[in-house]
């Protein structure tokens, strides 16, 4: 499912925690033909949400690495 805003990511992370599911984030990066899938175990999601909020903008673009963006998610 596509993501566009940090508020959507927050909702998805909280849903994953509540339903005890790991969360896969699909990350777009310049220079790569296909996006990457990063899987976050449910046990790490609370701290990962803090990390994402500090590292990514409201539009889910990496604040310190131009072109890196969270574009979608999947429950695992």
C-alpha atoms as a PDB file:
ATOM      1  CA  UNK A   1       0.000   0.000   0.000  1.00  0.00           C
ATOM      2  CA  UNK A   2       1.283   3.461  -0.851  1.00  0.00           C
ATOM      3  CA  UNK A   3       2.346   6.019   1.748  1.00  0.00           C
ATOM      4  CA  UNK A   4       2.565   9.775   1.238  1.00  0.00           C
ATOM      5  CA  UNK A   5       2.698  11.396   4.703  1.00  0.00           C
ATOM      6  CA  UNK A   6       4.304  10.784   8.084  1.00  0.00           C
ATOM      7  CA  UNK A   7       0.866  10.672   9.703  1.00  0.00           C
ATOM      8  CA  UNK A   8       0.013   7.685   7.498  1.00  0.00           C
ATOM      9  CA  UNK A   9       3.243   5.935   8.488  1.00  0.00           C
ATOM     10  CA  UNK A  10       2.501   6.582  12.176  1.00  0.00           C
ATOM     11  CA  UNK A  11      -0.953   5.022  11.790  1.00  0.00           C
ATOM     12  CA  UNK A  12       0.469   1.978   9.979  1.00  0.00           C
ATOM     13  CA  UNK A  13       3.184   1.442  12.614  1.00  0.00           C
ATOM     14  CA  UNK A  14       0.648   1.685  15.454  1.00  0.00           C
ATOM     15  CA  UNK A  15      -1.627  -0.763  13.625  1.00  0.00           C
ATOM     16  CA  UNK A  16       1.247  -3.221  13.191  1.00  0.00           C
ATOM     17  CA  UNK A  17       2.094  -2.979  16.896  1.00  0.00           C
ATOM     18  CA  UNK A  18      -1.551  -3.453  17.902  1.00  0.00           C
ATOM     19  CA  UNK A  19      -1.980  -6.485  15.621  1.00  0.00           C
ATOM     20  CA  UNK A  20       1.490  -7.877  16.455  1.00  0.00           C
ATOM     21  CA  UNK A  21       2.721  -7.870  12.857  1.00  0.00           C
ATOM     22  CA  UNK A  22       6.118  -7.030  11.452  1.00  0.00           C
ATOM     23  CA  UNK A  23       6.162  -4.144   8.995  1.00  0.00           C
ATOM     24  CA  UNK A  24       7.853  -3.977   5.617  1.00  0.00           C
ATOM     25  CA  UNK A  25       8.707  -0.546   4.232  1.00  0.00           C
ATOM     26  CA  UNK A  26       9.438  -0.024   0.560  1.00  0.00           C
ATOM     27  CA  UNK A  27      12.212   2.511   0.065  1.00  0.00           C
ATOM     28  CA  UNK A  28      12.995   4.304  -3.193  1.00  0.00           C
ATOM     29  CA  UNK A  29      16.651   5.270  -3.730  1.00  0.00           C
ATOM     30  CA  UNK A  30      18.401   7.063  -6.574  1.00  0.00           C
ATOM     31  CA  UNK A  31      20.634   4.906  -8.728  1.00  0.00           C
ATOM     32  CA  UNK A  32      18.722   1.689  -8.082  1.00  0.00           C
ATOM     33  CA  UNK A  33      16.366   0.144 -10.620  1.00  0.00           C
ATOM     34  CA  UNK A  34      13.951  -1.227  -8.020  1.00  0.00           C
ATOM     35  CA  UNK A  35      12.895  -0.081  -4.564  1.00  0.00           C
ATOM     36  CA  UNK A  36      14.123  -2.022  -1.523  1.00  0.00           C
ATOM     37  CA  UNK A  37      12.008  -3.791   1.072  1.00  0.00           C
ATOM     38  CA  UNK A  38      13.123  -3.310   4.665  1.00  0.00           C
ATOM     39  CA  UNK A  39      11.424  -5.489   7.280  1.00  0.00           C
ATOM     40  CA  UNK A  40      11.046  -4.198  10.832  1.00  0.00           C
ATOM     41  CA  UNK A  41      10.110  -6.829  13.444  1.00  0.00           C
ATOM     42  CA  UNK A  42       7.137  -5.837  15.590  1.00  0.00           C
ATOM     43  CA  UNK A  43       9.398  -5.727  18.658  1.00  0.00           C
ATOM     44  CA  UNK A  44      11.415  -2.879  17.095  1.00  0.00           C
ATOM     45  CA  UNK A  45       8.561  -0.779  15.762  1.00  0.00           C
ATOM     46  CA  UNK A  46       8.161   1.625  18.665  1.00  0.00           C
ATOM     47  CA  UNK A  47      11.809   2.728  18.462  1.00  0.00           C
ATOM     48  CA  UNK A  48      11.802   2.618  14.657  1.00  0.00           C
ATOM     49  CA  UNK A  49       8.877   5.045  14.593  1.00  0.00           C
ATOM     50  CA  UNK A  50      10.960   7.511  16.625  1.00  0.00           C
ATOM     51  CA  UNK A  51      13.816   7.022  14.151  1.00  0.00           C
ATOM     52  CA  UNK A  52      11.570   7.549  11.121  1.00  0.00           C
ATOM     53  CA  UNK A  53      10.048  10.702  12.622  1.00  0.00           C
ATOM     54  CA  UNK A  54      13.531  12.140  13.297  1.00  0.00           C
ATOM     55  CA  UNK A  55      15.040  11.075   9.963  1.00  0.00           C
ATOM     56  CA  UNK A  56      12.253  11.545   7.413  1.00  0.00           C
ATOM     57  CA  UNK A  57      10.203  14.642   6.518  1.00  0.00           C
ATOM     58  CA  UNK A  58       6.423  14.940   6.600  1.00  0.00           C
ATOM     59  CA  UNK A  59       6.513  13.816   2.941  1.00  0.00           C
ATOM     60  CA  UNK A  60       8.580  10.718   3.915  1.00  0.00           C
ATOM     61  CA  UNK A  61      11.752  11.986   2.244  1.00  0.00           C
ATOM     62  CA  UNK A  62      15.047  11.357   4.037  1.00  0.00           C
ATOM     63  CA  UNK A  63      16.199  14.627   5.611  1.00  0.00           C
ATOM     64  CA  UNK A  64      19.920  13.959   5.111  1.00  0.00           C
ATOM     65  CA  UNK A  65      20.100  11.836   1.943  1.00  0.00           C
ATOM     66  CA  UNK A  66      18.435  13.423  -1.066  1.00  0.00           C
ATOM     67  CA  UNK A  67      16.321  11.086  -3.146  1.00  0.00           C
ATOM     68  CA  UNK A  68      15.704   8.417  -0.506  1.00  0.00           C
ATOM     69  CA  UNK A  69      11.996   8.122   0.230  1.00  0.00           C
ATOM     70  CA  UNK A  70       9.548   5.740   1.902  1.00  0.00           C
ATOM     71  CA  UNK A  71       6.917   5.017  -0.738  1.00  0.00           C
ATOM     72  CA  UNK A  72       4.862   2.077   0.516  1.00  0.00           C
ATOM     73  CA  UNK A  73       4.400  -0.590   3.164  1.00  0.00           C
ATOM     74  CA  UNK A  74       3.264  -4.147   3.703  1.00  0.00           C
ATOM     75  CA  UNK A  75       2.473  -6.138   6.811  1.00  0.00           C
ATOM     76  CA  UNK A  76       4.616  -9.245   7.206  1.00  0.00           C
END
